[in-house]
């Protein structure tokens, strides 16, 4: 069951408005998962166009986020910042797939702490400590 997961990661893997619409009109399953995780203060990590849904549901209100340019049109309540990755409470948002390593490292930091993040980051660069 979904309740056994530590965090929820949802990504849109296409770069056009059709795919963005598909995220939001494909049913309530994704929204229900986000509601469930948010209610239990579990991590929700979204990247590219997917932060739109978390923003639309109001979970980023009063905070900061990032997403693929134009994927926040018509929504207010949170401040969009021009960064590759942004953490706000139990939500991590990523701007685009070009930031996927930074995005993954932020997830490691959230779940396991800065020390483990540094170990993972070093190993990515081929530095063994």
N, C-alpha and C. Protein backbone atom coordinates (compact mmCIF):
# COMPACT_ATOMS: atom_id res chain seq x y z
N UNK A 1 0.82 -1.21 0.00
CA UNK A 1 0.00 0.00 0.00
C UNK A 1 0.86 1.26 0.00
N UNK A 2 0.28 2.34 -0.47
CA UNK A 2 0.97 3.61 -0.56
C UNK A 2 1.49 4.06 0.80
N UNK A 3 0.78 3.77 1.86
CA UNK A 3 1.17 4.23 3.19
C UNK A 3 2.52 3.68 3.63
N UNK A 4 3.04 2.65 2.97
CA UNK A 4 4.34 2.10 3.32
C UNK A 4 5.51 2.88 2.73
N UNK A 5 5.25 3.76 1.78
CA UNK A 5 6.32 4.51 1.15
C UNK A 5 6.79 5.65 2.04
N UNK A 6 8.07 5.99 1.91
CA UNK A 6 8.65 7.07 2.68
C UNK A 6 8.38 8.42 2.03
N UNK A 7 8.41 8.46 0.72
CA UNK A 7 8.12 9.70 0.02
C UNK A 7 7.50 9.37 -1.33
N UNK A 8 6.94 10.40 -1.96
CA UNK A 8 6.29 10.24 -3.26
C UNK A 8 7.01 11.12 -4.26
N UNK A 9 7.40 10.55 -5.38
CA UNK A 9 8.11 11.27 -6.43
C UNK A 9 7.31 11.15 -7.71
N UNK A 10 6.97 12.28 -8.29
CA UNK A 10 6.17 12.26 -9.51
C UNK A 10 6.81 13.19 -10.52
N UNK A 11 7.03 12.70 -11.72
CA UNK A 11 7.69 13.51 -12.73
C UNK A 11 6.93 13.41 -14.05
N UNK A 12 6.88 14.52 -14.74
CA UNK A 12 6.35 14.56 -16.09
C UNK A 12 7.54 14.40 -17.02
N UNK A 13 7.52 13.40 -17.87
CA UNK A 13 8.70 13.13 -18.69
C UNK A 13 8.60 13.66 -20.11
N UNK A 14 7.64 14.49 -20.41
CA UNK A 14 7.53 15.10 -21.72
C UNK A 14 7.54 16.61 -21.56
N UNK A 15 7.95 17.29 -22.61
CA UNK A 15 8.12 18.74 -22.51
C UNK A 15 7.11 19.51 -23.34
N UNK A 16 5.82 19.26 -23.17
CA UNK A 16 4.85 20.04 -23.93
C UNK A 16 3.55 20.16 -23.16
N UNK A 17 2.69 21.04 -23.60
CA UNK A 17 1.46 21.33 -22.86
C UNK A 17 0.52 20.14 -22.80
N UNK A 18 0.57 19.25 -23.79
CA UNK A 18 -0.28 18.06 -23.76
C UNK A 18 0.08 17.19 -22.56
N UNK A 19 1.37 17.02 -22.32
CA UNK A 19 1.78 16.20 -21.18
C UNK A 19 1.41 16.87 -19.86
N UNK A 20 1.51 18.19 -19.80
CA UNK A 20 1.13 18.90 -18.59
C UNK A 20 -0.35 18.68 -18.31
N UNK A 21 -1.18 18.79 -19.31
CA UNK A 21 -2.61 18.55 -19.12
C UNK A 21 -2.87 17.12 -18.68
N UNK A 22 -2.09 16.18 -19.19
CA UNK A 22 -2.28 14.78 -18.84
C UNK A 22 -2.06 14.54 -17.34
N UNK A 23 -1.13 15.28 -16.74
CA UNK A 23 -0.88 15.14 -15.31
C UNK A 23 -2.15 15.45 -14.51
N UNK A 24 -2.82 16.53 -14.88
CA UNK A 24 -3.89 17.05 -14.05
C UNK A 24 -5.26 16.47 -14.34
N UNK A 25 -5.41 15.85 -15.48
CA UNK A 25 -6.72 15.34 -15.84
C UNK A 25 -6.74 13.83 -16.01
N UNK A 26 -5.74 13.16 -15.46
CA UNK A 26 -5.66 11.70 -15.60
C UNK A 26 -6.34 10.98 -14.45
N UNK A 27 -7.06 11.68 -13.63
CA UNK A 27 -7.74 11.05 -12.50
C UNK A 27 -7.26 11.62 -11.19
N UNK A 28 -7.81 11.13 -10.12
CA UNK A 28 -7.52 11.67 -8.79
C UNK A 28 -6.45 10.87 -8.05
N UNK A 29 -5.91 9.80 -8.61
CA UNK A 29 -4.95 8.98 -7.90
C UNK A 29 -3.74 9.78 -7.42
N UNK A 30 -3.15 10.58 -8.29
CA UNK A 30 -1.97 11.35 -7.92
C UNK A 30 -2.33 12.36 -6.84
N UNK A 31 -3.44 13.05 -7.00
CA UNK A 31 -3.87 14.02 -5.99
C UNK A 31 -4.09 13.33 -4.65
N UNK A 32 -4.71 12.18 -4.65
CA UNK A 32 -4.97 11.45 -3.40
C UNK A 32 -3.67 11.06 -2.71
N UNK A 33 -2.67 10.64 -3.50
CA UNK A 33 -1.38 10.28 -2.93
C UNK A 33 -0.72 11.51 -2.31
N UNK A 34 -0.74 12.62 -3.03
CA UNK A 34 -0.15 13.85 -2.50
C UNK A 34 -0.86 14.28 -1.22
N UNK A 35 -2.19 14.24 -1.21
CA UNK A 35 -2.95 14.59 0.01
C UNK A 35 -2.54 13.68 1.16
N UNK A 36 -2.43 12.40 0.90
CA UNK A 36 -2.09 11.43 1.94
C UNK A 36 -0.69 11.71 2.50
N UNK A 37 0.28 11.92 1.62
CA UNK A 37 1.64 12.18 2.07
C UNK A 37 1.73 13.52 2.81
N UNK A 38 1.09 14.54 2.30
CA UNK A 38 1.12 15.85 2.94
C UNK A 38 0.48 15.80 4.33
N UNK A 39 -0.61 15.09 4.43
CA UNK A 39 -1.33 14.96 5.71
C UNK A 39 -0.44 14.30 6.77
N UNK A 40 0.43 13.38 6.33
CA UNK A 40 1.31 12.67 7.26
C UNK A 40 2.73 13.25 7.29
N UNK A 41 2.90 14.46 6.74
CA UNK A 41 4.20 15.14 6.70
C UNK A 41 5.31 14.28 6.10
N UNK A 42 4.98 13.52 5.08
CA UNK A 42 5.97 12.73 4.36
C UNK A 42 6.44 13.53 3.15
N UNK A 43 7.62 13.21 2.68
CA UNK A 43 8.22 13.94 1.57
C UNK A 43 7.45 13.73 0.26
N UNK A 44 7.20 14.85 -0.42
CA UNK A 44 6.65 14.84 -1.78
C UNK A 44 7.66 15.59 -2.64
N UNK A 45 8.25 14.89 -3.61
CA UNK A 45 9.27 15.48 -4.47
C UNK A 45 8.76 15.47 -5.91
N UNK A 46 8.72 16.65 -6.52
CA UNK A 46 8.22 16.78 -7.89
C UNK A 46 9.20 17.60 -8.71
N UNK A 47 9.28 17.29 -9.99
CA UNK A 47 10.24 17.98 -10.85
C UNK A 47 9.62 18.26 -12.21
N UNK A 48 10.12 19.27 -12.89
CA UNK A 48 9.70 19.67 -14.23
C UNK A 48 8.31 20.31 -14.15
N UNK A 49 7.32 19.73 -14.80
CA UNK A 49 5.96 20.30 -14.77
C UNK A 49 5.18 19.83 -13.54
N UNK A 50 5.60 18.75 -12.92
CA UNK A 50 4.83 18.16 -11.83
C UNK A 50 4.64 19.05 -10.61
N UNK A 51 5.54 19.99 -10.27
CA UNK A 51 5.26 20.88 -9.13
C UNK A 51 3.94 21.65 -9.27
N UNK A 52 3.47 21.82 -10.49
CA UNK A 52 2.20 22.51 -10.73
C UNK A 52 1.08 21.89 -9.90
N UNK A 53 1.05 20.58 -9.84
CA UNK A 53 -0.04 19.92 -9.13
C UNK A 53 0.02 20.21 -7.63
N UNK A 54 1.20 20.16 -7.05
CA UNK A 54 1.34 20.46 -5.62
C UNK A 54 0.97 21.92 -5.36
N UNK A 55 1.38 22.80 -6.28
CA UNK A 55 1.02 24.22 -6.18
C UNK A 55 -0.49 24.39 -6.30
N UNK A 56 -1.09 23.71 -7.26
CA UNK A 56 -2.54 23.80 -7.48
C UNK A 56 -3.32 23.33 -6.25
N UNK A 57 -2.80 22.34 -5.56
CA UNK A 57 -3.48 21.81 -4.37
C UNK A 57 -3.27 22.69 -3.14
N UNK A 58 -2.42 23.72 -3.25
CA UNK A 58 -2.25 24.67 -2.16
C UNK A 58 -1.19 24.32 -1.14
N UNK A 59 -0.45 23.25 -1.34
CA UNK A 59 0.54 22.83 -0.35
C UNK A 59 1.79 23.70 -0.31
N UNK A 60 1.99 24.50 -1.33
CA UNK A 60 3.16 25.38 -1.35
C UNK A 60 2.81 26.82 -0.98
N UNK A 61 1.55 27.07 -0.63
CA UNK A 61 1.12 28.43 -0.28
C UNK A 61 1.99 29.00 0.83
N UNK A 62 2.46 30.21 0.60
CA UNK A 62 3.30 30.88 1.59
C UNK A 62 4.77 30.51 1.49
N UNK A 63 5.09 29.57 0.62
CA UNK A 63 6.47 29.12 0.50
C UNK A 63 7.07 29.44 -0.85
N UNK A 64 8.17 28.76 -1.15
CA UNK A 64 8.87 28.94 -2.41
C UNK A 64 8.90 27.61 -3.16
N UNK A 65 9.04 27.71 -4.47
CA UNK A 65 9.11 26.51 -5.31
C UNK A 65 9.81 26.85 -6.60
N UNK A 66 10.10 25.82 -7.38
CA UNK A 66 10.60 26.00 -8.73
C UNK A 66 9.92 24.97 -9.62
N UNK A 67 9.87 25.25 -10.91
CA UNK A 67 9.29 24.31 -11.87
C UNK A 67 9.75 24.70 -13.27
N UNK A 68 9.43 23.88 -14.24
CA UNK A 68 9.76 24.18 -15.62
C UNK A 68 9.08 25.49 -16.02
N UNK A 69 9.78 26.36 -16.74
CA UNK A 69 9.19 27.66 -17.11
C UNK A 69 7.80 27.54 -17.76
N UNK A 70 6.86 28.30 -17.21
CA UNK A 70 5.50 28.33 -17.74
C UNK A 70 4.56 27.32 -17.13
N UNK A 71 5.07 26.43 -16.31
CA UNK A 71 4.21 25.39 -15.73
C UNK A 71 3.52 25.82 -14.45
N UNK A 72 3.56 27.09 -14.16
CA UNK A 72 2.89 27.63 -12.98
C UNK A 72 1.88 28.70 -13.36
N UNK A 73 1.58 28.81 -14.64
CA UNK A 73 0.71 29.88 -15.12
C UNK A 73 -0.67 29.83 -14.47
N UNK A 74 -1.13 30.98 -14.02
CA UNK A 74 -2.46 31.08 -13.46
C UNK A 74 -2.57 30.68 -12.00
N UNK A 75 -1.48 30.29 -11.39
CA UNK A 75 -1.53 29.88 -9.99
C UNK A 75 -0.76 30.87 -9.12
N UNK A 76 -1.29 31.13 -7.95
CA UNK A 76 -0.64 32.03 -7.01
C UNK A 76 -0.61 31.38 -5.65
N UNK A 77 0.00 32.05 -4.70
CA UNK A 77 0.03 31.54 -3.33
C UNK A 77 1.43 31.19 -2.86
N UNK A 78 2.34 30.93 -3.80
CA UNK A 78 3.72 30.62 -3.46
C UNK A 78 4.63 31.43 -4.39
N UNK A 79 5.85 31.62 -3.96
CA UNK A 79 6.80 32.40 -4.74
C UNK A 79 7.68 31.47 -5.58
N UNK A 80 7.65 31.67 -6.88
CA UNK A 80 8.52 30.91 -7.77
C UNK A 80 9.90 31.54 -7.76
N UNK A 81 10.92 30.72 -7.56
CA UNK A 81 12.30 31.21 -7.57
C UNK A 81 13.06 30.54 -8.71
N UNK A 82 14.03 31.24 -9.23
CA UNK A 82 14.80 30.73 -10.36
C UNK A 82 16.00 29.93 -9.85
N UNK A 83 15.72 28.76 -9.31
CA UNK A 83 16.75 27.84 -8.81
C UNK A 83 16.47 26.47 -9.40
N UNK A 84 17.48 25.63 -9.38
CA UNK A 84 17.32 24.28 -9.90
C UNK A 84 16.50 23.39 -8.98
N UNK A 85 16.66 23.57 -7.66
CA UNK A 85 15.96 22.75 -6.67
C UNK A 85 15.60 23.63 -5.48
N UNK A 86 14.39 23.45 -4.98
CA UNK A 86 13.91 24.22 -3.82
C UNK A 86 13.24 23.27 -2.84
N UNK A 87 13.57 23.43 -1.55
CA UNK A 87 12.90 22.65 -0.50
C UNK A 87 12.06 23.61 0.33
N UNK A 88 10.79 23.22 0.55
CA UNK A 88 9.88 23.98 1.41
C UNK A 88 9.10 22.96 2.24
N UNK A 89 9.35 22.97 3.53
CA UNK A 89 8.74 22.00 4.44
C UNK A 89 9.05 20.59 3.95
N UNK A 90 8.02 19.77 3.71
CA UNK A 90 8.24 18.40 3.25
C UNK A 90 8.04 18.27 1.74
N UNK A 91 8.27 19.36 1.02
CA UNK A 91 8.14 19.37 -0.44
C UNK A 91 9.46 19.78 -1.07
N UNK A 92 9.89 19.02 -2.07
CA UNK A 92 11.07 19.37 -2.85
C UNK A 92 10.61 19.52 -4.29
N UNK A 93 10.96 20.65 -4.89
CA UNK A 93 10.60 20.88 -6.29
C UNK A 93 11.87 21.07 -7.10
N UNK A 94 11.83 20.55 -8.33
CA UNK A 94 12.96 20.68 -9.24
C UNK A 94 12.52 21.36 -10.53
N UNK A 95 13.39 22.17 -11.09
CA UNK A 95 13.05 22.97 -12.27
C UNK A 95 12.96 22.13 -13.54
N UNK A 96 13.92 21.25 -13.77
CA UNK A 96 13.97 20.49 -15.02
C UNK A 96 14.89 19.29 -14.83
N UNK A 97 14.85 18.39 -15.78
CA UNK A 97 15.65 17.17 -15.67
C UNK A 97 17.16 17.46 -15.62
N UNK A 98 17.58 18.60 -16.13
CA UNK A 98 19.00 18.97 -16.05
C UNK A 98 19.46 19.07 -14.59
N UNK A 99 18.53 19.23 -13.66
CA UNK A 99 18.85 19.34 -12.24
C UNK A 99 18.59 18.03 -11.49
N UNK A 100 18.47 16.94 -12.18
CA UNK A 100 18.07 15.68 -11.54
C UNK A 100 19.06 15.19 -10.49
N UNK A 101 20.36 15.41 -10.68
CA UNK A 101 21.33 14.99 -9.65
C UNK A 101 21.17 15.86 -8.41
N UNK A 102 21.06 17.17 -8.58
CA UNK A 102 20.83 18.06 -7.43
C UNK A 102 19.52 17.71 -6.73
N UNK A 103 18.52 17.38 -7.52
CA UNK A 103 17.21 17.00 -7.00
C UNK A 103 17.34 15.73 -6.15
N UNK A 104 18.03 14.74 -6.68
CA UNK A 104 18.23 13.48 -5.94
C UNK A 104 19.03 13.71 -4.67
N UNK A 105 20.06 14.54 -4.75
CA UNK A 105 20.86 14.83 -3.56
C UNK A 105 20.05 15.55 -2.48
N UNK A 106 19.12 16.40 -2.89
CA UNK A 106 18.25 17.07 -1.91
C UNK A 106 17.32 16.06 -1.23
N UNK A 107 16.89 15.06 -1.98
CA UNK A 107 16.07 14.00 -1.39
C UNK A 107 16.88 13.20 -0.38
N UNK A 108 18.13 12.87 -0.73
CA UNK A 108 19.01 12.15 0.21
C UNK A 108 19.23 12.99 1.46
N UNK A 109 19.47 14.28 1.29
CA UNK A 109 19.66 15.17 2.43
C UNK A 109 18.42 15.18 3.33
N UNK A 110 17.26 15.28 2.73
CA UNK A 110 16.01 15.31 3.49
C UNK A 110 15.81 14.01 4.28
N UNK A 111 16.04 12.89 3.63
CA UNK A 111 15.76 11.59 4.25
C UNK A 111 16.87 11.10 5.18
N UNK A 112 18.13 11.37 4.82
CA UNK A 112 19.25 10.77 5.55
C UNK A 112 20.21 11.78 6.17
N UNK A 113 20.09 13.05 5.82
CA UNK A 113 20.93 14.07 6.41
C UNK A 113 22.10 14.50 5.53
N UNK A 114 22.72 15.60 5.94
CA UNK A 114 23.79 16.22 5.15
C UNK A 114 25.01 15.31 5.01
N UNK A 115 25.35 14.58 6.06
CA UNK A 115 26.54 13.71 6.00
C UNK A 115 26.38 12.65 4.91
N UNK A 116 25.23 12.01 4.88
CA UNK A 116 24.99 10.98 3.85
C UNK A 116 24.91 11.62 2.47
N UNK A 117 24.35 12.80 2.39
CA UNK A 117 24.32 13.52 1.11
C UNK A 117 25.74 13.74 0.59
N UNK A 118 26.65 14.15 1.49
CA UNK A 118 28.03 14.38 1.10
C UNK A 118 28.71 13.10 0.62
N UNK A 119 28.41 11.99 1.27
CA UNK A 119 28.97 10.69 0.85
C UNK A 119 28.49 10.34 -0.55
N UNK A 120 27.20 10.48 -0.78
CA UNK A 120 26.62 10.17 -2.09
C UNK A 120 27.17 11.11 -3.15
N UNK A 121 27.24 12.40 -2.83
CA UNK A 121 27.74 13.39 -3.78
C UNK A 121 29.20 13.10 -4.14
N UNK A 122 30.01 12.74 -3.15
CA UNK A 122 31.41 12.40 -3.42
C UNK A 122 31.51 11.18 -4.32
N UNK A 123 30.70 10.18 -4.08
CA UNK A 123 30.77 8.97 -4.90
C UNK A 123 30.33 9.24 -6.34
N UNK A 124 29.38 10.15 -6.52
CA UNK A 124 28.96 10.53 -7.87
C UNK A 124 30.14 11.11 -8.65
N UNK A 125 30.98 11.87 -7.94
CA UNK A 125 32.13 12.51 -8.58
C UNK A 125 33.38 11.63 -8.56
N UNK A 126 33.24 10.40 -8.08
CA UNK A 126 34.36 9.48 -8.07
C UNK A 126 35.35 9.72 -6.95
N UNK A 127 34.91 10.39 -5.90
CA UNK A 127 35.78 10.67 -4.76
C UNK A 127 35.36 9.72 -3.64
N UNK A 128 36.26 8.81 -3.30
CA UNK A 128 35.98 7.86 -2.23
C UNK A 128 36.66 8.34 -0.96
N UNK A 129 35.87 8.48 0.08
CA UNK A 129 36.42 8.97 1.36
C UNK A 129 36.68 7.80 2.30
